C-alpha atoms as a PDB file:
ATOM      1  CA  MET A   1      83.315  41.871  -9.315  1.00  0.00           C
ATOM      2  CA  GLY A   2      81.767  39.709  -6.334  1.00  0.00           C
ATOM      3  CA  GLU A   3      81.638  42.898  -4.211  1.00  0.00           C
ATOM      4  CA  ARG A   4      79.503  44.699  -6.975  1.00  0.00           C
ATOM      5  CA  ILE A   5      77.326  42.026  -7.667  1.00  0.00           C
ATOM      6  CA  LYS A   6      76.654  41.776  -3.813  1.00  0.00           C
ATOM      7  CA  ASP A   7      76.041  45.614  -3.570  1.00  0.00           C
ATOM      8  CA  ALA A   8      73.719  45.660  -6.765  1.00  0.00           C
ATOM      9  CA  ARG A   9      71.869  42.641  -5.157  1.00  0.00           C
ATOM     10  CA  ASN A  10      71.423  44.372  -2.124  1.00  0.00           C
ATOM     11  CA  ALA A  11      70.412  47.721  -3.618  1.00  0.00           C
ATOM     12  CA  VAL A  12      67.409  46.043  -5.371  1.00  0.00           C
ATOM     13  CA  GLY A  13      66.335  44.229  -2.005  1.00  0.00           C
ATOM     14  CA  LEU A  14      66.958  40.590  -3.114  1.00  0.00           C
ATOM     15  CA  THR A  15      68.210  37.665  -1.251  1.00  0.00           C
ATOM     16  CA  GLN A  16      70.980  35.472  -2.539  1.00  0.00           C
ATOM     17  CA  GLN A  17      68.294  32.658  -2.871  1.00  0.00           C
ATOM     18  CA  LYS A  18      65.840  35.062  -4.710  1.00  0.00           C
ATOM     19  CA  THR A  19      68.594  36.165  -7.023  1.00  0.00           C
ATOM     20  CA  ALA A  20      69.862  32.395  -7.644  1.00  0.00           C
ATOM     21  CA  ASP A  21      65.838  31.511  -8.620  1.00  0.00           C
ATOM     22  CA  ALA A  22      65.802  34.485 -10.922  1.00  0.00           C
ATOM     23  CA  LEU A  23      68.923  33.278 -12.631  1.00  0.00           C
ATOM     24  CA  ASN A  24      67.879  29.520 -12.613  1.00  0.00           C
ATOM     25  CA  MET A  25      70.836  28.237 -10.651  1.00  0.00           C
ATOM     26  CA  THR A  26      71.542  27.046  -7.466  1.00  0.00           C
ATOM     27  CA  ILE A  27      72.436  29.415  -4.405  1.00  0.00           C
ATOM     28  CA  GLY A  28      75.632  27.611  -4.205  1.00  0.00           C
ATOM     29  CA  ALA A  29      76.538  28.386  -7.545  1.00  0.00           C
ATOM     30  CA  TYR A  30      75.243  32.079  -7.046  1.00  0.00           C
ATOM     31  CA  GLN A  31      77.346  32.443  -3.896  1.00  0.00           C
ATOM     32  CA  LYS A  32      80.648  31.596  -5.671  1.00  0.00           C
ATOM     33  CA  TYR A  33      79.956  34.835  -7.959  1.00  0.00           C
ATOM     34  CA  GLU A  34      79.397  36.950  -4.899  1.00  0.00           C
ATOM     35  CA  SER A  35      82.400  35.573  -3.154  1.00  0.00           C
ATOM     36  CA  GLY A  36      84.693  36.073  -6.108  1.00  0.00           C
ATOM     37  CA  ALA A  37      85.669  32.309  -6.369  1.00  0.00           C
ATOM     38  CA  VAL A  38      84.244  32.146  -9.909  1.00  0.00           C
ATOM     39  CA  GLU A  39      83.665  34.950 -12.523  1.00  0.00           C
ATOM     40  CA  PRO A  40      80.355  34.556 -14.317  1.00  0.00           C
ATOM     41  CA  PRO A  41      80.477  33.580 -17.914  1.00  0.00           C
ATOM     42  CA  LEU A  42      78.974  35.975 -20.441  1.00  0.00           C
ATOM     43  CA  TYR A  43      75.428  34.809 -20.717  1.00  0.00           C
ATOM     44  CA  SER A  44      75.349  34.633 -16.798  1.00  0.00           C
ATOM     45  CA  LEU A  45      76.904  38.303 -16.632  1.00  0.00           C
ATOM     46  CA  VAL A  46      74.290  39.492 -18.957  1.00  0.00           C
ATOM     47  CA  SER A  47      71.411  37.741 -17.003  1.00  0.00           C
ATOM     48  CA  LEU A  48      72.808  39.132 -13.648  1.00  0.00           C
ATOM     49  CA  ALA A  49      72.723  42.813 -15.181  1.00  0.00           C
ATOM     50  CA  ILE A  50      69.160  42.394 -16.178  1.00  0.00           C
ATOM     51  CA  VAL A  51      68.011  41.004 -12.774  1.00  0.00           C
ATOM     52  CA  LEU A  52      70.005  43.472 -10.887  1.00  0.00           C
ATOM     53  CA  ASN A  53      69.146  46.285 -12.859  1.00  0.00           C
ATOM     54  CA  VAL A  54      72.506  47.381 -13.702  1.00  0.00           C
ATOM     55  CA  THR A  55      75.051  47.337 -16.533  1.00  0.00           C
ATOM     56  CA  THR A  56      77.321  44.903 -17.529  1.00  0.00           C
ATOM     57  CA  ASP A  57      80.242  47.620 -17.278  1.00  0.00           C
ATOM     58  CA  TYR A  58      79.155  48.431 -13.649  1.00  0.00           C
ATOM     59  CA  LEU A  59      79.572  44.635 -12.925  1.00  0.00           C
ATOM     60  CA  LEU A  60      82.950  44.502 -14.429  1.00  0.00           C
ATOM     61  CA  GLY A  61      84.246  47.394 -12.751  1.00  0.00           C
ATOM     62  CA  MET A  62      84.566  49.543 -16.298  1.00  0.00           C
ATOM     63  CA  SER A  63      82.150  52.077 -14.806  1.00  0.00           C
ATOM     64  CA  ASP A  64      80.888  53.448 -11.542  1.00  0.00           C
ATOM     65  CA  ALA A  65      77.415  54.265 -13.191  1.00  0.00           C
ATOM     66  CA  GLU A  66      75.054  51.585 -12.222  1.00  0.00           C
ATOM     67  CA  SER A  67      72.632  52.336 -15.004  1.00  0.00           C
ATOM     68  CA  ALA A  68      73.033  53.409 -18.458  1.00  0.00           C
ATOM     69  CA  GLY A  69      71.152  56.803 -17.868  1.00  0.00           C
ATOM     70  CA  ALA A  70      73.506  57.703 -14.838  1.00  0.00           C
END
């Protein structure tokens, strides 16, 4: 999941810091999501999907379509 989070973040042109700020978390906590050291809880997963403009299914690896319309 970490690689998908990173790819989605890069696709929307956000830095790790900007993404962490949008999620109201520390950059260290966010980096654990990207590295795969920690999986985000459900509420964070939904917030990530909104901020990164992708579906939760994409982040979870259940779909290769990044958006619901793809």
